[in-house]
Amino acid sequence: MSKKVSVWTDNRFWQRSATWVTGFSAVLLIWLTFDTMGQISMGTQKDINAHITKRVPSSTVINYKVEYKMNQRRGHEVPVIGGDDGKGNSLFKIKEEFFGRDDYTQKEADALLHLGKLTSQAKNCMDCHTLLGNGAYYAPDLTKAWLDPMWQKDGPMQAMTGKKTKEEAMAEFLQHPGKYPTHARMMPNLGITPKEPKDWLHF
């Protein structure tokens, strides 16, 4: 008479379980990959025109005012583009000039974004700074630098550089950091040209 074997000690049970779990995990991973690609794909001007908020908005977002506000549904602050509806949702109505313009086309904005990435990599910005969670922690986080009060209208950096807009103040600082010491850790002079800040600030 054969001895009854518990299912928990049966090799065939564990082999089948492993096969099913591996198969299910593979299908789930493939689905998550495609879903993630959709979530992180960059939006277009058509999305903005249709008031569709993408996780990664169109590069033409530089034509609009951007600020962080509390989103009641999500329970934390989120970037709001062009004003909000009182609940933290973007309305895409309020424009803001970037180097004197608020009418950059998709092609122009894409080109600025591309050059901004190249400039950031060429100057090794992330050797010292953090951007979107990546990089070093020696210098200030640049993720929300555009919204930093020190660069805003009537902020100390505009007064120090003598510029009228935050983008002009930032550009001046990037070109001549030694003239405007802000911390004990001074940014070195990287030989940034007058054109490069426009690309980098868009990035």
N, C-alpha and C. Protein backbone atom coordinates (compact mmCIF):
# COMPACT_ATOMS: atom_id res chain seq x y z
N MET A 1 0.86 -1.19 0.00
CA MET A 1 0.00 0.00 0.00
C MET A 1 0.90 1.25 0.00
N SER A 2 0.66 2.13 -1.00
CA SER A 2 1.51 3.31 -1.10
C SER A 2 1.10 4.36 -0.07
N LYS A 3 2.12 5.04 0.40
CA LYS A 3 1.88 6.07 1.41
C LYS A 3 1.35 7.35 0.76
N LYS A 4 0.30 7.93 1.34
CA LYS A 4 -0.28 9.14 0.77
C LYS A 4 0.67 10.33 0.99
N VAL A 5 0.97 11.05 -0.13
CA VAL A 5 1.90 12.17 -0.07
C VAL A 5 1.12 13.48 0.01
N SER A 6 1.52 14.37 0.91
CA SER A 6 0.87 15.68 1.04
C SER A 6 1.14 16.52 -0.20
N VAL A 7 0.13 17.31 -0.59
CA VAL A 7 0.29 18.18 -1.76
C VAL A 7 1.44 19.16 -1.57
N TRP A 8 1.71 19.52 -0.32
CA TRP A 8 2.76 20.50 -0.04
C TRP A 8 4.16 19.92 -0.21
N THR A 9 4.25 18.65 -0.28
CA THR A 9 5.57 18.02 -0.49
C THR A 9 5.66 17.35 -1.86
N ASP A 10 4.65 17.59 -2.70
CA ASP A 10 4.62 16.99 -4.03
C ASP A 10 5.39 17.89 -5.01
N ASN A 11 6.45 17.35 -5.61
CA ASN A 11 7.27 18.13 -6.54
C ASN A 11 6.47 18.62 -7.74
N ARG A 12 5.53 17.79 -8.23
CA ARG A 12 4.76 18.18 -9.39
C ARG A 12 3.90 19.40 -9.12
N PHE A 13 3.38 19.50 -7.89
CA PHE A 13 2.58 20.67 -7.52
C PHE A 13 3.41 21.95 -7.61
N TRP A 14 4.60 21.92 -7.06
CA TRP A 14 5.45 23.10 -7.07
C TRP A 14 5.96 23.43 -8.47
N GLN A 15 6.19 22.40 -9.29
CA GLN A 15 6.61 22.65 -10.67
C GLN A 15 5.50 23.35 -11.45
N ARG A 16 4.27 22.86 -11.30
CA ARG A 16 3.15 23.47 -11.99
C ARG A 16 2.89 24.89 -11.48
N SER A 17 3.01 25.05 -10.16
CA SER A 17 2.79 26.38 -9.57
C SER A 17 3.81 27.37 -10.11
N ALA A 18 5.08 26.92 -10.18
CA ALA A 18 6.14 27.80 -10.67
C ALA A 18 5.89 28.17 -12.13
N THR A 19 5.41 27.22 -12.91
CA THR A 19 5.13 27.50 -14.33
C THR A 19 4.03 28.53 -14.48
N TRP A 20 2.93 28.36 -13.71
CA TRP A 20 1.82 29.29 -13.79
C TRP A 20 2.22 30.69 -13.30
N VAL A 21 2.95 30.74 -12.20
CA VAL A 21 3.37 32.04 -11.65
C VAL A 21 4.30 32.75 -12.61
N THR A 22 5.24 32.00 -13.21
CA THR A 22 6.18 32.60 -14.17
C THR A 22 5.44 33.12 -15.40
N GLY A 23 4.49 32.33 -15.90
CA GLY A 23 3.72 32.75 -17.07
C GLY A 23 2.89 33.99 -16.79
N PHE A 24 2.22 34.00 -15.64
CA PHE A 24 1.40 35.16 -15.26
C PHE A 24 2.27 36.40 -15.09
N SER A 25 3.44 36.24 -14.44
CA SER A 25 4.34 37.37 -14.21
C SER A 25 4.85 37.93 -15.53
N ALA A 26 5.14 37.05 -16.49
CA ALA A 26 5.63 37.50 -17.79
C ALA A 26 4.56 38.32 -18.52
N VAL A 27 3.31 37.84 -18.49
CA VAL A 27 2.21 38.57 -19.13
C VAL A 27 2.00 39.92 -18.44
N LEU A 28 2.05 39.92 -17.10
CA LEU A 28 1.86 41.16 -16.34
C LEU A 28 2.98 42.16 -16.66
N LEU A 29 4.21 41.68 -16.75
CA LEU A 29 5.34 42.54 -17.05
C LEU A 29 5.21 43.17 -18.44
N ILE A 30 4.77 42.39 -19.41
CA ILE A 30 4.58 42.92 -20.76
C ILE A 30 3.49 43.99 -20.76
N TRP A 31 2.39 43.72 -20.06
CA TRP A 31 1.30 44.69 -19.99
C TRP A 31 1.76 45.97 -19.31
N LEU A 32 2.50 45.86 -18.20
CA LEU A 32 2.99 47.03 -17.48
C LEU A 32 3.97 47.84 -18.34
N THR A 33 4.76 47.14 -19.15
CA THR A 33 5.71 47.83 -20.03
C THR A 33 4.98 48.72 -21.02
N PHE A 34 3.96 48.18 -21.68
CA PHE A 34 3.21 48.97 -22.65
C PHE A 34 2.43 50.09 -21.97
N ASP A 35 1.88 49.81 -20.78
CA ASP A 35 1.15 50.84 -20.05
C ASP A 35 2.07 51.98 -19.64
N THR A 36 3.28 51.64 -19.17
CA THR A 36 4.26 52.65 -18.77
C THR A 36 4.68 53.51 -19.95
N MET A 37 4.89 52.89 -21.10
CA MET A 37 5.27 53.65 -22.29
C MET A 37 4.21 54.68 -22.65
N GLY A 38 2.95 54.30 -22.49
CA GLY A 38 1.86 55.23 -22.75
C GLY A 38 1.82 56.36 -21.73
N GLN A 39 2.11 56.02 -20.47
CA GLN A 39 2.07 57.01 -19.40
C GLN A 39 3.17 58.05 -19.52
N ILE A 40 4.36 57.64 -19.99
CA ILE A 40 5.49 58.55 -20.03
C ILE A 40 5.72 59.16 -21.41
N SER A 41 4.89 58.83 -22.37
CA SER A 41 5.05 59.41 -23.70
C SER A 41 4.70 60.90 -23.64
N MET A 42 5.47 61.71 -24.36
CA MET A 42 5.27 63.15 -24.33
C MET A 42 3.99 63.54 -25.06
N GLY A 43 3.29 64.51 -24.48
CA GLY A 43 2.08 65.01 -25.10
C GLY A 43 2.38 65.92 -26.27
N THR A 44 1.34 66.44 -26.88
CA THR A 44 1.47 67.33 -28.03
C THR A 44 0.65 68.60 -27.77
N GLN A 45 0.79 69.55 -28.68
CA GLN A 45 0.00 70.78 -28.58
C GLN A 45 -1.49 70.47 -28.70
N LYS A 46 -1.82 69.42 -29.45
CA LYS A 46 -3.24 69.02 -29.57
C LYS A 46 -3.81 68.64 -28.20
N ASP A 47 -2.99 67.97 -27.37
CA ASP A 47 -3.44 67.61 -26.02
C ASP A 47 -3.72 68.86 -25.20
N ILE A 48 -2.82 69.85 -25.30
CA ILE A 48 -3.01 71.10 -24.56
C ILE A 48 -4.26 71.81 -25.05
N ASN A 49 -4.45 71.85 -26.36
CA ASN A 49 -5.65 72.51 -26.92
C ASN A 49 -6.93 71.83 -26.44
N ALA A 50 -6.85 70.51 -26.23
CA ALA A 50 -8.03 69.75 -25.77
C ALA A 50 -8.10 69.67 -24.25
N HIS A 51 -7.21 70.41 -23.56
CA HIS A 51 -7.16 70.42 -22.09
C HIS A 51 -6.90 69.04 -21.51
N ILE A 52 -6.08 68.25 -22.21
CA ILE A 52 -5.70 66.92 -21.72
C ILE A 52 -4.38 67.03 -20.99
N THR A 53 -4.38 66.69 -19.71
CA THR A 53 -3.17 66.77 -18.91
C THR A 53 -2.40 65.46 -19.01
N LYS A 54 -1.20 65.54 -19.56
CA LYS A 54 -0.34 64.36 -19.67
C LYS A 54 0.71 64.39 -18.57
N ARG A 55 1.17 63.21 -18.17
CA ARG A 55 2.24 63.13 -17.17
C ARG A 55 3.48 63.89 -17.67
N VAL A 56 3.77 63.74 -18.96
CA VAL A 56 4.85 64.50 -19.61
C VAL A 56 4.19 65.38 -20.66
N PRO A 57 4.00 66.67 -20.36
CA PRO A 57 3.28 67.53 -21.30
C PRO A 57 4.10 67.86 -22.53
N SER A 58 3.46 68.47 -23.49
CA SER A 58 4.13 68.91 -24.71
C SER A 58 5.23 69.90 -24.38
N SER A 59 6.25 69.95 -25.22
CA SER A 59 7.34 70.91 -25.01
C SER A 59 6.84 72.35 -25.11
N THR A 60 5.67 72.54 -25.74
CA THR A 60 5.10 73.89 -25.86
C THR A 60 4.53 74.39 -24.53
N VAL A 61 4.72 73.62 -23.49
CA VAL A 61 4.28 74.06 -22.16
C VAL A 61 5.01 75.34 -21.76
N ILE A 62 6.15 75.63 -22.41
CA ILE A 62 6.88 76.87 -22.09
C ILE A 62 6.07 78.12 -22.43
N ASN A 63 5.01 77.97 -23.20
CA ASN A 63 4.16 79.13 -23.52
C ASN A 63 3.18 79.46 -22.40
N TYR A 64 3.12 78.63 -21.35
CA TYR A 64 2.11 78.79 -20.32
C TYR A 64 2.73 78.99 -18.93
N LYS A 65 1.96 79.61 -18.08
CA LYS A 65 2.35 79.77 -16.68
C LYS A 65 2.29 78.40 -16.01
N VAL A 66 3.31 78.04 -15.24
CA VAL A 66 3.35 76.75 -14.55
C VAL A 66 3.56 77.00 -13.06
N GLU A 67 2.76 76.35 -12.23
CA GLU A 67 2.90 76.45 -10.78
C GLU A 67 2.45 75.15 -10.14
N TYR A 68 2.81 74.96 -8.87
CA TYR A 68 2.39 73.77 -8.14
C TYR A 68 1.23 74.12 -7.23
N LYS A 69 0.16 73.29 -7.28
CA LYS A 69 -1.00 73.52 -6.42
C LYS A 69 -1.53 72.18 -5.91
N MET A 70 -2.25 72.25 -4.80
CA MET A 70 -2.81 71.04 -4.20
C MET A 70 -3.93 70.49 -5.08
N ASN A 71 -3.85 69.20 -5.39
CA ASN A 71 -4.90 68.52 -6.14
C ASN A 71 -5.73 67.73 -5.14
N GLN A 72 -7.00 68.06 -5.01
CA GLN A 72 -7.84 67.44 -3.99
C GLN A 72 -8.01 65.94 -4.23
N ARG A 73 -8.13 65.55 -5.48
CA ARG A 73 -8.34 64.13 -5.77
C ARG A 73 -7.11 63.29 -5.47
N ARG A 74 -5.92 63.82 -5.80
CA ARG A 74 -4.69 63.07 -5.61
C ARG A 74 -4.09 63.26 -4.22
N GLY A 75 -4.51 64.32 -3.52
CA GLY A 75 -4.06 64.51 -2.15
C GLY A 75 -2.66 65.06 -1.99
N HIS A 76 -2.08 65.63 -3.05
CA HIS A 76 -0.76 66.26 -2.94
C HIS A 76 -0.60 67.30 -4.04
N GLU A 77 0.47 68.07 -3.95
CA GLU A 77 0.69 69.12 -4.94
C GLU A 77 1.11 68.53 -6.28
N VAL A 78 0.58 69.13 -7.33
CA VAL A 78 0.90 68.69 -8.69
C VAL A 78 1.17 69.93 -9.54
N PRO A 79 1.95 69.79 -10.62
CA PRO A 79 2.15 70.93 -11.50
C PRO A 79 0.87 71.31 -12.21
N VAL A 80 0.56 72.58 -12.21
CA VAL A 80 -0.64 73.09 -12.86
C VAL A 80 -0.21 74.01 -14.00
N ILE A 81 -0.74 73.78 -15.17
CA ILE A 81 -0.35 74.53 -16.36
C ILE A 81 -1.45 75.51 -16.76
N GLY A 82 -1.08 76.79 -16.83
CA GLY A 82 -2.02 77.80 -17.31
C GLY A 82 -3.19 78.07 -16.41
N GLY A 83 -3.00 78.04 -15.09
CA GLY A 83 -4.11 78.28 -14.16
C GLY A 83 -4.87 77.01 -13.85
N ASP A 84 -5.72 77.06 -12.81
CA ASP A 84 -6.45 75.86 -12.42
C ASP A 84 -7.92 76.16 -12.17
N ASP A 85 -8.68 75.09 -12.00
CA ASP A 85 -10.13 75.20 -11.84
C ASP A 85 -10.56 75.25 -10.38
N GLY A 86 -9.59 75.47 -9.47
CA GLY A 86 -9.90 75.50 -8.04
C GLY A 86 -9.73 74.15 -7.38
N LYS A 87 -9.57 73.10 -8.17
CA LYS A 87 -9.37 71.76 -7.64
C LYS A 87 -7.98 71.22 -7.95
N GLY A 88 -7.15 72.08 -8.52
CA GLY A 88 -5.78 71.66 -8.85
C GLY A 88 -5.64 71.05 -10.23
N ASN A 89 -6.63 71.27 -11.10
CA ASN A 89 -6.57 70.75 -12.47
C ASN A 89 -6.22 71.87 -13.44
N SER A 90 -5.35 71.58 -14.41
CA SER A 90 -4.89 72.57 -15.37
C SER A 90 -6.01 73.07 -16.27
N LEU A 91 -5.94 74.37 -16.59
CA LEU A 91 -6.91 74.97 -17.51
C LEU A 91 -6.26 75.40 -18.83
N PHE A 92 -4.94 75.53 -18.85
CA PHE A 92 -4.21 75.92 -20.06
C PHE A 92 -4.69 77.26 -20.62
N LYS A 93 -4.99 78.21 -19.76
CA LYS A 93 -5.50 79.50 -20.22
C LYS A 93 -4.50 80.64 -20.05
N ILE A 94 -3.75 80.62 -18.96
CA ILE A 94 -2.85 81.73 -18.66
C ILE A 94 -1.49 81.49 -19.30
N LYS A 95 -1.10 82.39 -20.18
CA LYS A 95 0.18 82.27 -20.86
C LYS A 95 1.25 83.05 -20.10
N GLU A 96 2.52 82.70 -20.34
CA GLU A 96 3.64 83.39 -19.72
C GLU A 96 4.79 83.42 -20.71
N GLU A 97 5.37 84.58 -20.90
CA GLU A 97 6.43 84.70 -21.89
C GLU A 97 7.72 84.01 -21.42
N PHE A 98 8.42 83.44 -22.38
CA PHE A 98 9.72 82.81 -22.15
C PHE A 98 10.70 83.47 -23.11
N PHE A 99 11.59 84.30 -22.56
CA PHE A 99 12.49 85.11 -23.38
C PHE A 99 11.71 85.94 -24.42
N GLY A 100 10.63 86.57 -23.92
CA GLY A 100 9.88 87.51 -24.74
C GLY A 100 8.84 86.92 -25.66
N ARG A 101 8.62 85.61 -25.60
CA ARG A 101 7.64 84.98 -26.49
C ARG A 101 6.74 84.02 -25.73
N ASP A 102 5.49 83.89 -26.17
CA ASP A 102 4.59 82.88 -25.63
C ASP A 102 3.88 82.16 -26.77
N ASP A 103 4.56 82.10 -27.92
CA ASP A 103 3.95 81.49 -29.10
C ASP A 103 4.88 80.50 -29.79
N TYR A 104 5.71 79.80 -29.00
CA TYR A 104 6.62 78.82 -29.59
C TYR A 104 5.82 77.69 -30.24
N THR A 105 6.19 77.34 -31.46
CA THR A 105 5.52 76.23 -32.14
C THR A 105 6.05 74.91 -31.59
N GLN A 106 5.37 73.82 -31.93
CA GLN A 106 5.81 72.50 -31.49
C GLN A 106 7.24 72.22 -31.96
N LYS A 107 7.52 72.57 -33.21
CA LYS A 107 8.85 72.31 -33.78
C LYS A 107 9.92 73.12 -33.06
N GLU A 108 9.63 74.40 -32.80
CA GLU A 108 10.60 75.26 -32.11
C GLU A 108 10.84 74.78 -30.68
N ALA A 109 9.76 74.44 -29.99
CA ALA A 109 9.88 73.99 -28.61
C ALA A 109 10.61 72.65 -28.52
N ASP A 110 10.33 71.74 -29.45
CA ASP A 110 11.03 70.46 -29.48
C ASP A 110 12.53 70.65 -29.69
N ALA A 111 12.88 71.58 -30.57
CA ALA A 111 14.29 71.85 -30.85
C ALA A 111 14.99 72.42 -29.61
N LEU A 112 14.31 73.32 -28.89
CA LEU A 112 14.87 73.87 -27.66
C LEU A 112 15.08 72.77 -26.61
N LEU A 113 14.10 71.89 -26.49
CA LEU A 113 14.19 70.80 -25.53
C LEU A 113 15.36 69.88 -25.85
N HIS A 114 15.52 69.56 -27.12
CA HIS A 114 16.62 68.69 -27.55
C HIS A 114 17.97 69.33 -27.24
N LEU A 115 18.11 70.61 -27.57
CA LEU A 115 19.37 71.30 -27.32
C LEU A 115 19.62 71.46 -25.82
N GLY A 116 18.53 71.62 -25.04
CA GLY A 116 18.66 71.71 -23.59
C GLY A 116 19.23 70.43 -22.98
N LYS A 117 18.77 69.29 -23.48
CA LYS A 117 19.30 68.02 -23.01
C LYS A 117 20.78 67.89 -23.34
N LEU A 118 21.15 68.28 -24.58
CA LEU A 118 22.55 68.20 -24.99
C LEU A 118 23.42 69.12 -24.14
N THR A 119 22.91 70.33 -23.85
CA THR A 119 23.67 71.28 -23.04
C THR A 119 23.86 70.75 -21.63
N SER A 120 22.80 70.20 -21.05
CA SER A 120 22.87 69.65 -19.70
C SER A 120 23.89 68.51 -19.62
N GLN A 121 23.91 67.66 -20.65
CA GLN A 121 24.87 66.55 -20.66
C GLN A 121 26.28 67.04 -20.92
N ALA A 122 26.42 68.00 -21.82
CA ALA A 122 27.76 68.51 -22.17
C ALA A 122 28.42 69.21 -20.99
N LYS A 123 27.62 69.89 -20.17
CA LYS A 123 28.17 70.61 -19.02
C LYS A 123 28.19 69.76 -17.75
N ASN A 124 27.75 68.49 -17.87
CA ASN A 124 27.75 67.56 -16.72
C ASN A 124 27.02 68.14 -15.51
N CYS A 125 25.87 68.75 -15.75
CA CYS A 125 25.11 69.39 -14.67
C CYS A 125 24.78 68.42 -13.53
N MET A 126 24.48 67.15 -13.89
CA MET A 126 24.03 66.19 -12.89
C MET A 126 25.17 65.61 -12.07
N ASP A 127 26.40 66.05 -12.36
CA ASP A 127 27.51 65.68 -11.48
C ASP A 127 27.37 66.38 -10.13
N CYS A 128 26.66 67.52 -10.12
CA CYS A 128 26.47 68.29 -8.89
C CYS A 128 25.00 68.41 -8.50
N HIS A 129 24.12 68.54 -9.50
CA HIS A 129 22.71 68.80 -9.24
C HIS A 129 21.85 67.53 -9.40
N THR A 130 20.63 67.62 -8.87
CA THR A 130 19.62 66.58 -9.05
C THR A 130 18.54 67.12 -9.98
N LEU A 131 18.08 66.27 -10.89
CA LEU A 131 16.99 66.65 -11.79
C LEU A 131 16.04 65.47 -11.92
N LEU A 132 14.80 65.66 -11.49
CA LEU A 132 13.78 64.61 -11.52
C LEU A 132 14.25 63.35 -10.79
N GLY A 133 14.94 63.55 -9.67
CA GLY A 133 15.36 62.42 -8.84
C GLY A 133 16.68 61.79 -9.24
N ASN A 134 17.28 62.25 -10.33
CA ASN A 134 18.55 61.69 -10.79
C ASN A 134 19.66 62.71 -10.63
N GLY A 135 20.86 62.23 -10.33
CA GLY A 135 22.00 63.13 -10.23
C GLY A 135 22.61 63.13 -8.85
N ALA A 136 23.32 64.19 -8.54
CA ALA A 136 24.06 64.29 -7.28
C ALA A 136 23.36 65.26 -6.32
N TYR A 137 23.90 65.36 -5.11
CA TYR A 137 23.27 66.18 -4.06
C TYR A 137 24.21 67.26 -3.54
N TYR A 138 25.25 67.56 -4.31
CA TYR A 138 26.21 68.58 -3.88
C TYR A 138 25.62 69.98 -4.01
N ALA A 139 24.89 70.19 -5.10
CA ALA A 139 24.30 71.51 -5.39
C ALA A 139 22.77 71.41 -5.34
N PRO A 140 22.06 72.54 -5.40
CA PRO A 140 20.59 72.52 -5.27
C PRO A 140 19.89 71.65 -6.31
N ASP A 141 18.74 71.12 -5.91
CA ASP A 141 17.88 70.34 -6.80
C ASP A 141 17.29 71.30 -7.85
N LEU A 142 17.41 70.92 -9.12
CA LEU A 142 16.94 71.79 -10.20
C LEU A 142 15.52 71.48 -10.67
N THR A 143 14.90 70.44 -10.09
CA THR A 143 13.59 70.00 -10.59
C THR A 143 12.55 71.13 -10.59
N LYS A 144 12.51 71.91 -9.52
CA LYS A 144 11.53 72.99 -9.42
C LYS A 144 12.20 74.36 -9.41
N ALA A 145 13.41 74.44 -9.95
CA ALA A 145 14.14 75.71 -9.92
C ALA A 145 13.35 76.84 -10.58
N TRP A 146 12.59 76.49 -11.62
CA TRP A 146 11.81 77.49 -12.35
C TRP A 146 10.78 78.16 -11.44
N LEU A 147 10.33 77.44 -10.40
CA LEU A 147 9.29 77.95 -9.51
C LEU A 147 9.87 78.49 -8.20
N ASP A 148 11.19 78.48 -8.05
CA ASP A 148 11.83 78.96 -6.83
C ASP A 148 11.55 80.45 -6.65
N PRO A 149 11.01 80.87 -5.48
CA PRO A 149 10.67 82.28 -5.25
C PRO A 149 11.85 83.23 -5.44
N MET A 150 13.07 82.76 -5.24
CA MET A 150 14.21 83.67 -5.36
C MET A 150 14.42 84.17 -6.79
N TRP A 151 13.85 83.44 -7.76
CA TRP A 151 13.99 83.85 -9.16
C TRP A 151 12.76 84.60 -9.67
N GLN A 152 11.69 84.63 -8.89
CA GLN A 152 10.44 85.22 -9.34
C GLN A 152 10.52 86.75 -9.36
N LYS A 153 9.48 87.37 -9.87
CA LYS A 153 9.43 88.83 -9.94
C LYS A 153 9.65 89.42 -8.55
N ASP A 154 10.50 90.42 -8.46
CA ASP A 154 10.86 91.08 -7.20
C ASP A 154 11.66 90.16 -6.27
N GLY A 155 12.11 89.02 -6.79
CA GLY A 155 12.94 88.12 -5.99
C GLY A 155 14.37 88.62 -5.92
N PRO A 156 15.17 88.10 -4.97
CA PRO A 156 16.54 88.60 -4.79
C PRO A 156 17.45 88.40 -6.00
N MET A 157 17.25 87.32 -6.78
CA MET A 157 18.14 87.07 -7.90
C MET A 157 17.88 88.03 -9.06
N GLN A 158 16.63 88.42 -9.26
CA GLN A 158 16.35 89.41 -10.30
C GLN A 158 16.98 90.76 -9.93
N ALA A 159 16.88 91.09 -8.64
CA ALA A 159 17.47 92.35 -8.18
C ALA A 159 19.00 92.30 -8.28
N MET A 160 19.57 91.16 -7.91
CA MET A 160 21.02 91.03 -7.92
C MET A 160 21.60 91.09 -9.33
N THR A 161 20.90 90.46 -10.28
CA THR A 161 21.41 90.42 -11.66
C THR A 161 20.97 91.63 -12.47
N GLY A 162 19.97 92.37 -11.97
CA GLY A 162 19.48 93.53 -12.69
C GLY A 162 18.63 93.19 -13.89
N LYS A 163 18.07 91.98 -13.91
CA LYS A 163 17.24 91.55 -15.04
C LYS A 163 15.76 91.72 -14.71
N LYS A 164 14.93 91.78 -15.76
CA LYS A 164 13.50 92.03 -15.58
C LYS A 164 12.67 90.76 -15.49
N THR A 165 13.20 89.64 -15.97
CA THR A 165 12.44 88.38 -15.94
C THR A 165 13.29 87.29 -15.30
N LYS A 166 12.60 86.24 -14.82
CA LYS A 166 13.34 85.17 -14.15
C LYS A 166 14.24 84.41 -15.11
N GLU A 167 13.80 84.23 -16.36
CA GLU A 167 14.64 83.49 -17.30
C GLU A 167 15.90 84.27 -17.65
N GLU A 168 15.77 85.61 -17.74
CA GLU A 168 16.96 86.43 -18.01
C GLU A 168 17.90 86.42 -16.81
N ALA A 169 17.33 86.44 -15.59
CA ALA A 169 18.16 86.38 -14.38
C ALA A 169 18.89 85.05 -14.29
N MET A 170 18.18 83.96 -14.60
CA MET A 170 18.81 82.64 -14.57
C MET A 170 19.91 82.54 -15.62
N ALA A 171 19.65 83.06 -16.81
CA ALA A 171 20.64 83.01 -17.88
C ALA A 171 21.89 83.79 -17.51
N GLU A 172 21.69 84.95 -16.89
CA GLU A 172 22.83 85.77 -16.46
C GLU A 172 23.64 85.03 -15.40
N PHE A 173 22.95 84.42 -14.46
CA PHE A 173 23.65 83.68 -13.40
C PHE A 173 24.44 82.51 -13.97
N LEU A 174 23.84 81.77 -14.89
CA LEU A 174 24.52 80.61 -15.48
C LEU A 174 25.78 81.01 -16.25
N GLN A 175 25.73 82.16 -16.89
CA GLN A 175 26.89 82.61 -17.67
C GLN A 175 28.00 83.18 -16.78
N HIS A 176 27.62 83.79 -15.65
CA HIS A 176 28.61 84.43 -14.78
C HIS A 176 28.35 84.08 -13.32
N PRO A 177 28.42 82.81 -12.94
CA PRO A 177 28.09 82.42 -11.56
C PRO A 177 29.01 83.04 -10.51
N GLY A 178 30.25 83.32 -10.87
CA GLY A 178 31.19 83.90 -9.91
C GLY A 178 30.82 85.30 -9.47
N LYS A 179 30.03 86.01 -10.29
CA LYS A 179 29.63 87.37 -9.95
C LYS A 179 28.48 87.41 -8.95
N TYR A 180 27.78 86.27 -8.81
CA TYR A 180 26.59 86.24 -7.95
C TYR A 180 26.67 85.08 -6.96
N PRO A 181 27.56 85.16 -5.98
CA PRO A 181 27.69 84.06 -5.02
C PRO A 181 26.43 83.93 -4.17
N THR A 182 25.85 82.75 -4.16
CA THR A 182 24.60 82.53 -3.41
C THR A 182 24.77 81.54 -2.27
N HIS A 183 25.79 80.69 -2.35
CA HIS A 183 26.02 79.68 -1.31
C HIS A 183 27.52 79.57 -1.05
N ALA A 184 27.86 78.85 0.00
CA ALA A 184 29.28 78.60 0.28
C ALA A 184 29.89 77.77 -0.84
N ARG A 185 29.07 76.89 -1.44
CA ARG A 185 29.52 76.09 -2.56
C ARG A 185 29.22 76.85 -3.85
N MET A 186 30.19 77.49 -4.39
CA MET A 186 29.97 78.31 -5.57
C MET A 186 30.00 77.48 -6.84
N MET A 187 29.12 77.81 -7.77
CA MET A 187 29.10 77.14 -9.05
C MET A 187 30.31 77.61 -9.87
N PRO A 188 31.03 76.70 -10.49
CA PRO A 188 32.18 77.12 -11.31
C PRO A 188 31.73 77.75 -12.62
N ASN A 189 32.61 78.52 -13.23
CA ASN A 189 32.32 79.09 -14.53
C ASN A 189 32.50 78.00 -15.58
N LEU A 190 31.41 77.61 -16.23
CA LEU A 190 31.44 76.50 -17.18
C LEU A 190 31.57 76.97 -18.63
N GLY A 191 31.77 78.26 -18.83
CA GLY A 191 31.91 78.76 -20.18
C GLY A 191 30.61 78.69 -20.97
N ILE A 192 29.50 78.92 -20.28
CA ILE A 192 28.18 78.85 -20.93
C ILE A 192 27.99 80.07 -21.83
N THR A 193 27.58 79.81 -23.06
CA THR A 193 27.37 80.89 -24.03
C THR A 193 26.01 81.54 -23.82
N PRO A 194 25.79 82.74 -24.37
CA PRO A 194 24.49 83.41 -24.22
C PRO A 194 23.32 82.59 -24.76
N LYS A 195 23.55 81.73 -25.76
CA LYS A 195 22.47 80.94 -26.35
C LYS A 195 22.10 79.73 -25.50
N GLU A 196 23.07 79.12 -24.84
CA GLU A 196 22.84 77.87 -24.13
C GLU A 196 21.81 77.95 -23.00
N PRO A 197 21.76 79.02 -22.21
CA PRO A 197 20.74 79.06 -21.14
C PRO A 197 19.32 78.94 -21.64
N LYS A 198 19.03 79.52 -22.81
CA LYS A 198 17.68 79.43 -23.36
C LYS A 198 17.29 77.99 -23.61
N ASP A 199 18.23 77.19 -24.14
CA ASP A 199 17.97 75.78 -24.38
C ASP A 199 17.83 75.04 -23.06
N TRP A 200 18.78 75.31 -22.15
CA TRP A 200 18.83 74.54 -20.90
C TRP A 200 17.62 74.83 -20.02
N LEU A 201 17.22 76.12 -19.93
CA LEU A 201 16.10 76.47 -19.08
C LEU A 201 14.80 75.84 -19.56
N HIS A 202 14.66 75.66 -20.87
CA HIS A 202 13.48 74.96 -21.38
C HIS A 202 13.51 73.50 -20.96
N PHE A 203 14.70 72.90 -20.96
CA PHE A 203 14.83 71.51 -20.57
C PHE A 203 14.47 71.34 -19.11
